[in-house]
mmCIF file of all heavy atoms, coordinates in Angstrom:
data_MODEL
# 
_entry.id   MODEL 
# 
loop_
_atom_site.group_PDB 
_atom_site.id 
_atom_site.type_symbol 
_atom_site.label_atom_id 
_atom_site.label_alt_id 
_atom_site.label_comp_id 
_atom_site.label_asym_id 
_atom_site.label_entity_id 
_atom_site.label_seq_id 
_atom_site.pdbx_PDB_ins_code 
_atom_site.Cartn_x 
_atom_site.Cartn_y 
_atom_site.Cartn_z 
_atom_site.occupancy 
_atom_site.B_iso_or_equiv 
_atom_site.pdbx_formal_charge 
_atom_site.auth_seq_id 
_atom_site.auth_comp_id 
_atom_site.auth_asym_id 
_atom_site.auth_atom_id 
_atom_site.pdbx_PDB_model_num 
ATOM 1   N N   . VAL A 1 1  ? 9.894   -15.513 2.776  1.00 0.00 ? 1  VAL A N   1 
ATOM 2   C CA  . VAL A 1 1  ? 9.953   -14.283 3.565  1.00 0.00 ? 1  VAL A CA  1 
ATOM 3   C C   . VAL A 1 1  ? 10.040  -13.078 2.637  1.00 0.00 ? 1  VAL A C   1 
ATOM 4   O O   . VAL A 1 1  ? 9.385   -12.048 2.859  1.00 0.00 ? 1  VAL A O   1 
ATOM 5   C CB  . VAL A 1 1  ? 11.154  -14.330 4.550  1.00 0.00 ? 1  VAL A CB  1 
ATOM 6   C CG1 . VAL A 1 1  ? 11.384  -12.970 5.189  1.00 0.00 ? 1  VAL A CG1 1 
ATOM 7   C CG2 . VAL A 1 1  ? 10.922  -15.379 5.625  1.00 0.00 ? 1  VAL A CG2 1 
ATOM 8   N N   . ALA A 1 2  ? 10.828  -13.172 1.584  1.00 0.00 ? 2  ALA A N   1 
ATOM 9   C CA  . ALA A 1 2  ? 10.977  -12.058 0.640  1.00 0.00 ? 2  ALA A CA  1 
ATOM 10  C C   . ALA A 1 2  ? 9.642   -11.767 -0.055 1.00 0.00 ? 2  ALA A C   1 
ATOM 11  O O   . ALA A 1 2  ? 9.247   -10.598 -0.222 1.00 0.00 ? 2  ALA A O   1 
ATOM 12  C CB  . ALA A 1 2  ? 12.052  -12.381 -0.390 1.00 0.00 ? 2  ALA A CB  1 
ATOM 13  N N   . VAL A 1 3  ? 8.917   -12.833 -0.457 1.00 0.00 ? 3  VAL A N   1 
ATOM 14  C CA  . VAL A 1 3  ? 7.619   -12.646 -1.109 1.00 0.00 ? 3  VAL A CA  1 
ATOM 15  C C   . VAL A 1 3  ? 6.637   -12.037 -0.118 1.00 0.00 ? 3  VAL A C   1 
ATOM 16  O O   . VAL A 1 3  ? 5.880   -11.121 -0.457 1.00 0.00 ? 3  VAL A O   1 
ATOM 17  C CB  . VAL A 1 3  ? 7.103   -13.993 -1.663 1.00 0.00 ? 3  VAL A CB  1 
ATOM 18  C CG1 . VAL A 1 3  ? 5.643   -13.891 -2.094 1.00 0.00 ? 3  VAL A CG1 1 
ATOM 19  C CG2 . VAL A 1 3  ? 7.966   -14.449 -2.825 1.00 0.00 ? 3  VAL A CG2 1 
ATOM 20  N N   . PHE A 1 4  ? 6.670   -12.518 1.165  1.00 0.00 ? 4  PHE A N   1 
ATOM 21  C CA  . PHE A 1 4  ? 5.782   -11.968 2.176  1.00 0.00 ? 4  PHE A CA  1 
ATOM 22  C C   . PHE A 1 4  ? 6.079   -10.497 2.436  1.00 0.00 ? 4  PHE A C   1 
ATOM 23  O O   . PHE A 1 4  ? 5.169   -9.665  2.506  1.00 0.00 ? 4  PHE A O   1 
ATOM 24  C CB  . PHE A 1 4  ? 5.918   -12.792 3.479  1.00 0.00 ? 4  PHE A CB  1 
ATOM 25  C CG  . PHE A 1 4  ? 5.042   -12.299 4.575  1.00 0.00 ? 4  PHE A CG  1 
ATOM 26  C CD1 . PHE A 1 4  ? 3.677   -12.510 4.555  1.00 0.00 ? 4  PHE A CD1 1 
ATOM 27  C CD2 . PHE A 1 4  ? 5.579   -11.582 5.647  1.00 0.00 ? 4  PHE A CD2 1 
ATOM 28  C CE1 . PHE A 1 4  ? 2.868   -12.047 5.571  1.00 0.00 ? 4  PHE A CE1 1 
ATOM 29  C CE2 . PHE A 1 4  ? 4.783   -11.113 6.656  1.00 0.00 ? 4  PHE A CE2 1 
ATOM 30  C CZ  . PHE A 1 4  ? 3.423   -11.347 6.630  1.00 0.00 ? 4  PHE A CZ  1 
ATOM 31  N N   . VAL A 1 5  ? 7.347   -10.169 2.565  1.00 0.00 ? 5  VAL A N   1 
ATOM 32  C CA  . VAL A 1 5  ? 7.742   -8.776  2.805  1.00 0.00 ? 5  VAL A CA  1 
ATOM 33  C C   . VAL A 1 5  ? 7.341   -7.907  1.598  1.00 0.00 ? 5  VAL A C   1 
ATOM 34  O O   . VAL A 1 5  ? 6.840   -6.786  1.757  1.00 0.00 ? 5  VAL A O   1 
ATOM 35  C CB  . VAL A 1 5  ? 9.264   -8.680  3.083  1.00 0.00 ? 5  VAL A CB  1 
ATOM 36  C CG1 . VAL A 1 5  ? 9.743   -7.227  3.059  1.00 0.00 ? 5  VAL A CG1 1 
ATOM 37  C CG2 . VAL A 1 5  ? 9.600   -9.319  4.418  1.00 0.00 ? 5  VAL A CG2 1 
ATOM 38  N N   . ALA A 1 6  ? 7.541   -8.414  0.389  1.00 0.00 ? 6  ALA A N   1 
ATOM 39  C CA  . ALA A 1 6  ? 7.169   -7.663  -0.812 1.00 0.00 ? 6  ALA A CA  1 
ATOM 40  C C   . ALA A 1 6  ? 5.649   -7.459  -0.859 1.00 0.00 ? 6  ALA A C   1 
ATOM 41  O O   . ALA A 1 6  ? 5.172   -6.370  -1.208 1.00 0.00 ? 6  ALA A O   1 
ATOM 42  C CB  . ALA A 1 6  ? 7.651   -8.397  -2.064 1.00 0.00 ? 6  ALA A CB  1 
ATOM 43  N N   . ALA A 1 7  ? 4.896   -8.497  -0.501 1.00 0.00 ? 7  ALA A N   1 
ATOM 44  C CA  . ALA A 1 7  ? 3.437   -8.391  -0.510 1.00 0.00 ? 7  ALA A CA  1 
ATOM 45  C C   . ALA A 1 7  ? 2.970   -7.380  0.536  1.00 0.00 ? 7  ALA A C   1 
ATOM 46  O O   . ALA A 1 7  ? 2.080   -6.553  0.283  1.00 0.00 ? 7  ALA A O   1 
ATOM 47  C CB  . ALA A 1 7  ? 2.802   -9.759  -0.258 1.00 0.00 ? 7  ALA A CB  1 
ATOM 48  N N   . VAL A 1 8  ? 3.551   -7.423  1.740  1.00 0.00 ? 8  VAL A N   1 
ATOM 49  C CA  . VAL A 1 8  ? 3.189   -6.480  2.784  1.00 0.00 ? 8  VAL A CA  1 
ATOM 50  C C   . VAL A 1 8  ? 3.574   -5.065  2.361  1.00 0.00 ? 8  VAL A C   1 
ATOM 51  O O   . VAL A 1 8  ? 2.805   -4.107  2.546  1.00 0.00 ? 8  VAL A O   1 
ATOM 52  C CB  . VAL A 1 8  ? 3.853   -6.864  4.131  1.00 0.00 ? 8  VAL A CB  1 
ATOM 53  C CG1 . VAL A 1 8  ? 3.706   -5.755  5.156  1.00 0.00 ? 8  VAL A CG1 1 
ATOM 54  C CG2 . VAL A 1 8  ? 3.264   -8.160  4.658  1.00 0.00 ? 8  VAL A CG2 1 
ATOM 55  N N   . GLY A 1 9  ? 4.735   -4.910  1.780  1.00 0.00 ? 9  GLY A N   1 
ATOM 56  C CA  . GLY A 1 9  ? 5.173   -3.590  1.294  1.00 0.00 ? 9  GLY A CA  1 
ATOM 57  C C   . GLY A 1 9  ? 4.263   -3.075  0.198  1.00 0.00 ? 9  GLY A C   1 
ATOM 58  O O   . GLY A 1 9  ? 3.881   -1.892  0.182  1.00 0.00 ? 9  GLY A O   1 
ATOM 59  N N   . PHE A 1 10 ? 3.909   -3.964  -0.724 1.00 0.00 ? 10 PHE A N   1 
ATOM 60  C CA  . PHE A 1 10 ? 3.002   -3.566  -1.819 1.00 0.00 ? 10 PHE A CA  1 
ATOM 61  C C   . PHE A 1 10 ? 1.635   -3.168  -1.261 1.00 0.00 ? 10 PHE A C   1 
ATOM 62  O O   . PHE A 1 10 ? 1.049   -2.170  -1.671 1.00 0.00 ? 10 PHE A O   1 
ATOM 63  C CB  . PHE A 1 10 ? 2.866   -4.735  -2.817 1.00 0.00 ? 10 PHE A CB  1 
ATOM 64  C CG  . PHE A 1 10 ? 1.992   -4.404  -3.988 1.00 0.00 ? 10 PHE A CG  1 
ATOM 65  C CD1 . PHE A 1 10 ? 2.419   -3.533  -4.980 1.00 0.00 ? 10 PHE A CD1 1 
ATOM 66  C CD2 . PHE A 1 10 ? 0.706   -4.954  -4.095 1.00 0.00 ? 10 PHE A CD2 1 
ATOM 67  C CE1 . PHE A 1 10 ? 1.612   -3.236  -6.053 1.00 0.00 ? 10 PHE A CE1 1 
ATOM 68  C CE2 . PHE A 1 10 ? -0.102  -4.648  -5.161 1.00 0.00 ? 10 PHE A CE2 1 
ATOM 69  C CZ  . PHE A 1 10 ? 0.350   -3.790  -6.154 1.00 0.00 ? 10 PHE A CZ  1 
ATOM 70  N N   . ALA A 1 11 ? 1.145   -3.943  -0.294 1.00 0.00 ? 11 ALA A N   1 
ATOM 71  C CA  . ALA A 1 11 ? -0.150  -3.624  0.324  1.00 0.00 ? 11 ALA A CA  1 
ATOM 72  C C   . ALA A 1 11 ? -0.070  -2.284  1.046  1.00 0.00 ? 11 ALA A C   1 
ATOM 73  O O   . ALA A 1 11 ? -0.998  -1.475  1.000  1.00 0.00 ? 11 ALA A O   1 
ATOM 74  C CB  . ALA A 1 11 ? -0.558  -4.733  1.280  1.00 0.00 ? 11 ALA A CB  1 
ATOM 75  N N   . GLY A 1 12 ? 1.044   -2.006  1.703  1.00 0.00 ? 12 GLY A N   1 
ATOM 76  C CA  . GLY A 1 12 ? 1.218   -0.734  2.396  1.00 0.00 ? 12 GLY A CA  1 
ATOM 77  C C   . GLY A 1 12 ? 1.243   0.433   1.417  1.00 0.00 ? 12 GLY A C   1 
ATOM 78  O O   . GLY A 1 12 ? 0.630   1.487   1.658  1.00 0.00 ? 12 GLY A O   1 
ATOM 79  N N   . VAL A 1 13 ? 1.948   0.245   0.304  1.00 0.00 ? 13 VAL A N   1 
ATOM 80  C CA  . VAL A 1 13 ? 2.015   1.302   -0.704 1.00 0.00 ? 13 VAL A CA  1 
ATOM 81  C C   . VAL A 1 13 ? 0.630   1.546   -1.310 1.00 0.00 ? 13 VAL A C   1 
ATOM 82  O O   . VAL A 1 13 ? 0.186   2.689   -1.453 1.00 0.00 ? 13 VAL A O   1 
ATOM 83  C CB  . VAL A 1 13 ? 3.047   0.932   -1.797 1.00 0.00 ? 13 VAL A CB  1 
ATOM 84  C CG1 . VAL A 1 13 ? 2.939   1.872   -2.978 1.00 0.00 ? 13 VAL A CG1 1 
ATOM 85  C CG2 . VAL A 1 13 ? 4.450   0.967   -1.224 1.00 0.00 ? 13 VAL A CG2 1 
ATOM 86  N N   . VAL A 1 14 ? -0.067  0.467   -1.661 1.00 0.00 ? 14 VAL A N   1 
ATOM 87  C CA  . VAL A 1 14 ? -1.406  0.604   -2.249 1.00 0.00 ? 14 VAL A CA  1 
ATOM 88  C C   . VAL A 1 14 ? -2.360  1.241   -1.238 1.00 0.00 ? 14 VAL A C   1 
ATOM 89  O O   . VAL A 1 14 ? -3.153  2.129   -1.577 1.00 0.00 ? 14 VAL A O   1 
ATOM 90  C CB  . VAL A 1 14 ? -1.937  -0.774  -2.730 1.00 0.00 ? 14 VAL A CB  1 
ATOM 91  C CG1 . VAL A 1 14 ? -3.409  -0.693  -3.089 1.00 0.00 ? 14 VAL A CG1 1 
ATOM 92  C CG2 . VAL A 1 14 ? -1.122  -1.264  -3.908 1.00 0.00 ? 14 VAL A CG2 1 
ATOM 93  N N   . GLY A 1 15 ? -2.280  0.843   0.037  1.00 0.00 ? 15 GLY A N   1 
ATOM 94  C CA  . GLY A 1 15 ? -3.127  1.429   1.074  1.00 0.00 ? 15 GLY A CA  1 
ATOM 95  C C   . GLY A 1 15 ? -2.853  2.918   1.234  1.00 0.00 ? 15 GLY A C   1 
ATOM 96  O O   . GLY A 1 15 ? -3.775  3.725   1.371  1.00 0.00 ? 15 GLY A O   1 
ATOM 97  N N   . GLY A 1 16 ? -1.596  3.307   1.247  1.00 0.00 ? 16 GLY A N   1 
ATOM 98  C CA  . GLY A 1 16 ? -1.244  4.732   1.350  1.00 0.00 ? 16 GLY A CA  1 
ATOM 99  C C   . GLY A 1 16 ? -1.771  5.521   0.168  1.00 0.00 ? 16 GLY A C   1 
ATOM 100 O O   . GLY A 1 16 ? -2.269  6.649   0.315  1.00 0.00 ? 16 GLY A O   1 
ATOM 101 N N   . MET A 1 17 ? -1.628  4.939   -1.025 1.00 0.00 ? 17 MET A N   1 
ATOM 102 C CA  . MET A 1 17 ? -2.130  5.622   -2.216 1.00 0.00 ? 17 MET A CA  1 
ATOM 103 C C   . MET A 1 17 ? -3.653  5.798   -2.146 1.00 0.00 ? 17 MET A C   1 
ATOM 104 O O   . MET A 1 17 ? -4.181  6.860   -2.488 1.00 0.00 ? 17 MET A O   1 
ATOM 105 C CB  . MET A 1 17 ? -1.750  4.840   -3.478 1.00 0.00 ? 17 MET A CB  1 
ATOM 106 C CG  . MET A 1 17 ? -0.286  4.958   -3.834 1.00 0.00 ? 17 MET A CG  1 
ATOM 107 S SD  . MET A 1 17 ? 0.230   3.909   -5.211 1.00 0.00 ? 17 MET A SD  1 
ATOM 108 C CE  . MET A 1 17 ? -0.920  4.292   -6.459 1.00 0.00 ? 17 MET A CE  1 
ATOM 109 N N   . LEU A 1 18 ? -4.328  4.747   -1.696 1.00 0.00 ? 18 LEU A N   1 
ATOM 110 C CA  . LEU A 1 18 ? -5.774  4.832   -1.587 1.00 0.00 ? 18 LEU A CA  1 
ATOM 111 C C   . LEU A 1 18 ? -6.190  5.872   -0.549 1.00 0.00 ? 18 LEU A C   1 
ATOM 112 O O   . LEU A 1 18 ? -7.153  6.608   -0.748 1.00 0.00 ? 18 LEU A O   1 
ATOM 113 C CB  . LEU A 1 18 ? -6.370  3.465   -1.251 1.00 0.00 ? 18 LEU A CB  1 
ATOM 114 C CG  . LEU A 1 18 ? -6.324  2.430   -2.379 1.00 0.00 ? 18 LEU A CG  1 
ATOM 115 C CD1 . LEU A 1 18 ? -6.851  1.089   -1.882 1.00 0.00 ? 18 LEU A CD1 1 
ATOM 116 C CD2 . LEU A 1 18 ? -7.111  2.895   -3.581 1.00 0.00 ? 18 LEU A CD2 1 
ATOM 117 N N   . ARG A 1 19 ? -5.442  5.921   0.583  1.00 0.00 ? 19 ARG A N   1 
ATOM 118 C CA  . ARG A 1 19 ? -5.760  6.928   1.601  1.00 0.00 ? 19 ARG A CA  1 
ATOM 119 C C   . ARG A 1 19 ? -5.558  8.335   1.053  1.00 0.00 ? 19 ARG A C   1 
ATOM 120 O O   . ARG A 1 19 ? -6.376  9.221   1.245  1.00 0.00 ? 19 ARG A O   1 
ATOM 121 C CB  . ARG A 1 19 ? -4.871  6.709   2.829  1.00 0.00 ? 19 ARG A CB  1 
ATOM 122 C CG  . ARG A 1 19 ? -5.526  5.914   3.920  1.00 0.00 ? 19 ARG A CG  1 
ATOM 123 C CD  . ARG A 1 19 ? -4.749  6.044   5.230  1.00 0.00 ? 19 ARG A CD  1 
ATOM 124 N NE  . ARG A 1 19 ? -3.309  5.858   5.057  1.00 0.00 ? 19 ARG A NE  1 
ATOM 125 C CZ  . ARG A 1 19 ? -2.674  4.677   5.133  1.00 0.00 ? 19 ARG A CZ  1 
ATOM 126 N NH1 . ARG A 1 19 ? -3.354  3.600   5.382  1.00 0.00 ? 19 ARG A NH1 1 
ATOM 127 N NH2 . ARG A 1 19 ? -1.378  4.604   4.973  1.00 0.00 ? 19 ARG A NH2 1 
ATOM 128 N N   . ARG A 1 20 ? -4.426  8.537   0.369  1.00 0.00 ? 20 ARG A N   1 
ATOM 129 C CA  . ARG A 1 20 ? -4.167  9.861   -0.206 1.00 0.00 ? 20 ARG A CA  1 
ATOM 130 C C   . ARG A 1 20 ? -5.197  10.193  -1.274 1.00 0.00 ? 20 ARG A C   1 
ATOM 131 O O   . ARG A 1 20 ? -5.685  11.322  -1.343 1.00 0.00 ? 20 ARG A O   1 
ATOM 132 C CB  . ARG A 1 20 ? -2.767  9.926   -0.799 1.00 0.00 ? 20 ARG A CB  1 
ATOM 133 C CG  . ARG A 1 20 ? -1.738  10.298  0.231  1.00 0.00 ? 20 ARG A CG  1 
ATOM 134 C CD  . ARG A 1 20 ? -0.416  10.484  -0.407 1.00 0.00 ? 20 ARG A CD  1 
ATOM 135 N NE  . ARG A 1 20 ? 0.100   9.126   -0.591 1.00 0.00 ? 20 ARG A NE  1 
ATOM 136 C CZ  . ARG A 1 20 ? 1.109   8.796   -1.359 1.00 0.00 ? 20 ARG A CZ  1 
ATOM 137 N NH1 . ARG A 1 20 ? 1.742   9.692   -2.034 1.00 0.00 ? 20 ARG A NH1 1 
ATOM 138 N NH2 . ARG A 1 20 ? 1.501   7.555   -1.463 1.00 0.00 ? 20 ARG A NH2 1 
ATOM 139 N N   . GLN A 1 21 ? -5.513  9.216   -2.097 1.00 0.00 ? 21 GLN A N   1 
ATOM 140 C CA  . GLN A 1 21 ? -6.506  9.449   -3.146 1.00 0.00 ? 21 GLN A CA  1 
ATOM 141 C C   . GLN A 1 21 ? -7.865  9.757   -2.532 1.00 0.00 ? 21 GLN A C   1 
ATOM 142 O O   . GLN A 1 21 ? -8.567  10.646  -2.979 1.00 0.00 ? 21 GLN A O   1 
ATOM 143 C CB  . GLN A 1 21 ? -6.604  8.228   -4.076 1.00 0.00 ? 21 GLN A CB  1 
ATOM 144 C CG  . GLN A 1 21 ? -7.508  8.419   -5.249 1.00 0.00 ? 21 GLN A CG  1 
ATOM 145 C CD  . GLN A 1 21 ? -6.995  9.477   -6.224 1.00 0.00 ? 21 GLN A CD  1 
ATOM 146 O OE1 . GLN A 1 21 ? -5.812  9.756   -6.280 1.00 0.00 ? 21 GLN A OE1 1 
ATOM 147 N NE2 . GLN A 1 21 ? -7.895  10.078  -6.971 1.00 0.00 ? 21 GLN A NE2 1 
ATOM 148 N N   . GLY A 1 22 ? -8.247  9.026   -1.491 1.00 0.00 ? 22 GLY A N   1 
ATOM 149 C CA  . GLY A 1 22 ? -9.514  9.275   -0.814 1.00 0.00 ? 22 GLY A CA  1 
ATOM 150 C C   . GLY A 1 22 ? -9.541  10.659  -0.196 1.00 0.00 ? 22 GLY A C   1 
ATOM 151 O O   . GLY A 1 22 ? -10.544 11.371  -0.270 1.00 0.00 ? 22 GLY A O   1 
ATOM 152 N N   . THR A 1 23 ? -8.445  11.075  0.409  1.00 0.00 ? 23 THR A N   1 
ATOM 153 C CA  . THR A 1 23 ? -8.363  12.409  0.997  1.00 0.00 ? 23 THR A CA  1 
ATOM 154 C C   . THR A 1 23 ? -8.461  13.467  -0.081 1.00 0.00 ? 23 THR A C   1 
ATOM 155 O O   . THR A 1 23 ? -9.157  14.475  0.082  1.00 0.00 ? 23 THR A O   1 
ATOM 156 C CB  . THR A 1 23 ? -7.041  12.559  1.771  1.00 0.00 ? 23 THR A CB  1 
ATOM 157 O OG1 . THR A 1 23 ? -6.943  11.525  2.740  1.00 0.00 ? 23 THR A OG1 1 
ATOM 158 C CG2 . THR A 1 23 ? -6.962  13.905  2.450  1.00 0.00 ? 23 THR A CG2 1 
ATOM 159 N N   . ALA A 1 24 ? -7.803  13.245  -1.213 1.00 0.00 ? 24 ALA A N   1 
ATOM 160 C CA  . ALA A 1 24 ? -7.851  14.206  -2.312 1.00 0.00 ? 24 ALA A CA  1 
ATOM 161 C C   . ALA A 1 24 ? -9.269  14.287  -2.886 1.00 0.00 ? 24 ALA A C   1 
ATOM 162 O O   . ALA A 1 24 ? -9.755  15.371  -3.200 1.00 0.00 ? 24 ALA A O   1 
ATOM 163 C CB  . ALA A 1 24 ? -6.857  13.830  -3.400 1.00 0.00 ? 24 ALA A CB  1 
ATOM 164 N N   . VAL A 1 25 ? -9.918  13.148  -2.992 1.00 0.00 ? 25 VAL A N   1 
ATOM 165 C CA  . VAL A 1 25 ? -11.284 13.133  -3.522 1.00 0.00 ? 25 VAL A CA  1 
ATOM 166 C C   . VAL A 1 25 ? -12.214 13.853  -2.553 1.00 0.00 ? 25 VAL A C   1 
ATOM 167 O O   . VAL A 1 25 ? -13.050 14.657  -2.965 1.00 0.00 ? 25 VAL A O   1 
ATOM 168 C CB  . VAL A 1 25 ? -11.752 11.683  -3.785 1.00 0.00 ? 25 VAL A CB  1 
ATOM 169 C CG1 . VAL A 1 25 ? -13.241 11.640  -4.062 1.00 0.00 ? 25 VAL A CG1 1 
ATOM 170 C CG2 . VAL A 1 25 ? -10.976 11.088  -4.945 1.00 0.00 ? 25 VAL A CG2 1 
# 
């Protein structure tokens, strides 16, 4: 569960960064 939560959290952070980066671009 901890690995799953960490993976989901990491995916959420990476997705947010990509969205912000895409918006900035």
